[in-house]
Amino acid sequence: MTSDRRPAWIIRLRAGAAALVCAAAACNALAGESMWLTVVGDSGDAAVDTVEVDATSAVAFESMRLVKLRVNRAKPRTGFDGQPYRSYYSTAVVDCTELKSWHRTLSLFEQPLWRGKLRIVEYTERDGREVAFADMEANPRDRLIKAACSIALRGG
């Protein structure tokens, strides 16, 4: 018989992240259209590294935040799954206590500006991939984490 010997805070964190994902799904069903705000780049130029955040998607739960991103890369890249991509949508979790962020889901496109063949990669909490924006000259990672963590919890 196996027992779960993880500290209670890890179990609460996992439950909190699961609740955050469920809350975001419910919000998305009600939200309708996205409102993309450009953090860096130009969403109309396929040759530019671009990062945008969906202002309508942000959800706050305790010290966690969930945000949707869309990213276009100026040059072809290789995903965490070893396959090429040029652009993607991501559902990212931000831990405001640790100031870290990771991808929960990636919708990767072969072509720039969110076009072409699509593949979806999902990650569990254990194997979530860090939001890093590797090789971006004006790397917006820290700004995104700071902005996400500034989202206030809504009173209930």
Protein backbone atom coordinates (compact mmCIF):
# COMPACT_ATOMS: atom_id res chain seq x y z
CA MET A 1 0.00 0.00 0.00
CA THR A 2 1.45 3.35 -1.01
CA SER A 3 0.91 6.58 0.85
CA ASP A 4 1.27 10.17 -0.25
CA ARG A 5 4.08 11.64 1.86
CA ARG A 6 4.23 15.01 0.13
CA PRO A 7 4.08 18.07 2.37
CA ALA A 8 0.60 19.55 2.80
CA TRP A 9 1.58 22.78 0.99
CA ILE A 10 2.38 20.80 -2.19
CA ILE A 11 -1.00 19.08 -2.05
CA ARG A 12 -2.71 22.49 -1.55
CA LEU A 13 -0.66 23.96 -4.42
CA ARG A 14 -1.74 21.13 -6.73
CA ALA A 15 -5.37 21.53 -5.71
CA GLY A 16 -5.09 25.30 -6.15
CA ALA A 17 -3.58 24.97 -9.62
CA ALA A 18 -6.31 22.52 -10.63
CA ALA A 19 -8.99 24.93 -9.38
CA LEU A 20 -7.26 27.76 -11.27
CA VAL A 21 -7.36 25.80 -14.53
CA CYS A 22 -11.05 24.97 -14.01
CA ALA A 23 -11.88 28.61 -13.20
CA ALA A 24 -10.09 29.75 -16.33
CA ALA A 25 -12.02 27.28 -18.46
CA ALA A 26 -15.29 28.60 -17.03
CA CYS A 27 -14.21 32.21 -17.63
CA ASN A 28 -13.26 31.44 -21.22
CA ALA A 29 -16.67 29.94 -21.88
CA LEU A 30 -18.27 33.19 -20.71
CA ALA A 31 -15.70 35.65 -22.02
CA GLY A 32 -16.26 35.52 -25.76
CA GLU A 33 -13.51 37.33 -27.63
CA SER A 34 -9.91 37.79 -26.61
CA MET A 35 -8.28 41.20 -26.21
CA TRP A 36 -4.60 40.77 -27.11
CA LEU A 37 -2.20 43.31 -25.65
CA THR A 38 1.25 43.45 -27.23
CA VAL A 39 4.07 43.18 -24.69
CA VAL A 40 6.85 43.17 -27.27
CA GLY A 41 6.93 43.03 -31.08
CA ASP A 42 4.31 43.50 -33.78
CA SER A 43 1.48 41.00 -34.22
CA GLY A 44 1.17 41.90 -37.90
CA ASP A 45 4.83 41.22 -38.83
CA ALA A 46 5.81 37.56 -39.26
CA ALA A 47 9.53 38.46 -39.18
CA VAL A 48 9.41 39.89 -35.64
CA ASP A 49 9.51 38.17 -32.24
CA THR A 50 6.15 39.05 -30.65
CA VAL A 51 4.60 38.28 -27.27
CA GLU A 52 1.00 39.17 -26.48
CA VAL A 53 -1.20 38.53 -23.46
CA ASP A 54 -4.98 38.12 -23.53
CA ALA A 55 -6.25 40.75 -21.11
CA THR A 56 -9.61 38.97 -20.84
CA SER A 57 -8.13 35.63 -19.76
CA ALA A 58 -6.29 36.44 -16.54
CA VAL A 59 -7.50 34.56 -13.47
CA ALA A 60 -6.15 34.96 -9.91
CA PHE A 61 -6.31 32.26 -7.24
CA GLU A 62 -4.34 32.69 -4.01
CA SER A 63 -0.70 33.20 -5.08
CA MET A 64 -1.28 31.70 -8.55
CA ARG A 65 -2.30 33.39 -11.78
CA LEU A 66 -3.40 31.89 -15.08
CA VAL A 67 -2.90 33.84 -18.31
CA LYS A 68 -3.15 33.16 -22.02
CA LEU A 69 -0.26 34.15 -24.23
CA ARG A 70 0.34 34.15 -27.94
CA VAL A 71 3.86 34.23 -29.29
CA ASN A 72 5.29 34.61 -32.78
CA ARG A 73 8.95 33.82 -33.38
CA ALA A 74 10.96 35.66 -36.02
CA LYS A 75 12.79 32.46 -37.00
CA PRO A 76 11.85 28.78 -36.88
CA ARG A 77 12.27 27.19 -33.44
CA THR A 78 12.17 23.68 -32.02
CA GLY A 79 9.53 22.97 -29.38
CA PHE A 80 9.92 21.04 -26.13
CA ASP A 81 8.57 18.04 -28.07
CA GLY A 82 11.45 18.22 -30.59
CA GLN A 83 9.21 19.41 -33.47
CA PRO A 84 9.54 22.73 -35.34
CA TYR A 85 7.19 25.68 -34.83
CA ARG A 86 6.98 29.41 -35.62
CA SER A 87 4.15 30.61 -33.39
CA TYR A 88 2.02 29.39 -30.51
CA TYR A 89 -0.77 30.02 -28.03
CA SER A 90 -0.10 29.12 -24.41
CA THR A 91 -2.03 28.81 -21.20
CA ALA A 92 0.58 29.73 -18.59
CA VAL A 93 0.53 29.43 -14.82
CA VAL A 94 2.36 32.05 -12.77
CA ASP A 95 3.47 31.36 -9.20
CA CYS A 96 3.70 34.78 -7.55
CA THR A 97 5.41 33.40 -4.44
CA GLU A 98 8.29 31.85 -6.40
CA LEU A 99 8.13 34.37 -9.30
CA LYS A 100 8.09 31.52 -11.82
CA SER A 101 5.88 30.72 -14.77
CA TRP A 102 5.30 27.59 -16.81
CA HIS A 103 3.22 26.42 -19.75
CA ARG A 104 0.24 24.16 -19.05
CA THR A 105 -0.83 23.91 -22.69
CA LEU A 106 0.87 24.88 -25.93
CA SER A 107 -0.88 25.11 -29.30
CA LEU A 108 2.05 25.19 -31.71
CA PHE A 109 1.80 26.31 -35.33
CA GLU A 110 4.21 25.48 -38.17
CA GLN A 111 3.77 28.93 -39.71
CA PRO A 112 4.16 32.44 -38.27
CA LEU A 113 1.23 34.50 -36.98
CA TRP A 114 -0.73 31.47 -35.74
CA ARG A 115 -1.27 29.78 -39.11
CA GLY A 116 -0.56 26.41 -40.65
CA LYS A 117 -0.61 22.92 -39.20
CA LEU A 118 -1.40 22.89 -35.48
CA ARG A 119 -0.37 20.50 -32.72
CA ILE A 120 -1.33 20.71 -29.05
CA VAL A 121 0.98 19.73 -26.20
CA GLU A 122 -0.29 19.55 -22.62
CA TYR A 123 1.82 19.38 -19.49
CA THR A 124 1.08 18.33 -15.94
CA GLU A 125 2.29 20.45 -13.04
CA ARG A 126 5.27 18.18 -12.63
CA ASP A 127 6.51 18.51 -16.19
CA GLY A 128 5.31 22.01 -17.11
CA ARG A 129 7.84 23.87 -19.23
CA GLU A 130 9.17 27.22 -18.08
CA VAL A 131 7.98 30.36 -19.85
CA ALA A 132 11.36 31.67 -20.98
CA PHE A 133 11.23 33.29 -24.48
CA ALA A 134 14.72 31.99 -25.28
CA ASP A 135 16.87 34.18 -27.53
CA MET A 136 14.44 37.11 -27.53
CA GLU A 137 16.46 40.30 -27.45
CA ALA A 138 13.87 42.22 -25.40
CA ASN A 139 12.88 39.27 -23.19
CA PRO A 140 9.53 40.06 -21.53
CA ARG A 141 9.45 37.12 -19.09
CA ASP A 142 9.99 39.10 -15.87
CA ARG A 143 7.60 41.86 -16.98
CA LEU A 144 4.88 39.28 -17.68
CA ILE A 145 5.32 37.64 -14.28
CA LYS A 146 5.23 41.03 -12.51
CA ALA A 147 2.13 42.09 -14.44
CA ALA A 148 0.33 38.79 -13.81
CA CYS A 149 1.11 38.96 -10.10
CA SER A 150 -0.30 42.48 -9.92
CA ILE A 151 -3.76 41.09 -10.77
CA ALA A 152 -5.83 41.45 -7.63
CA LEU A 153 -7.88 38.62 -6.20
CA ARG A 154 -11.56 39.30 -6.67
CA GLY A 155 -13.62 39.34 -3.51
CA GLY A 156 -16.41 36.85 -3.17
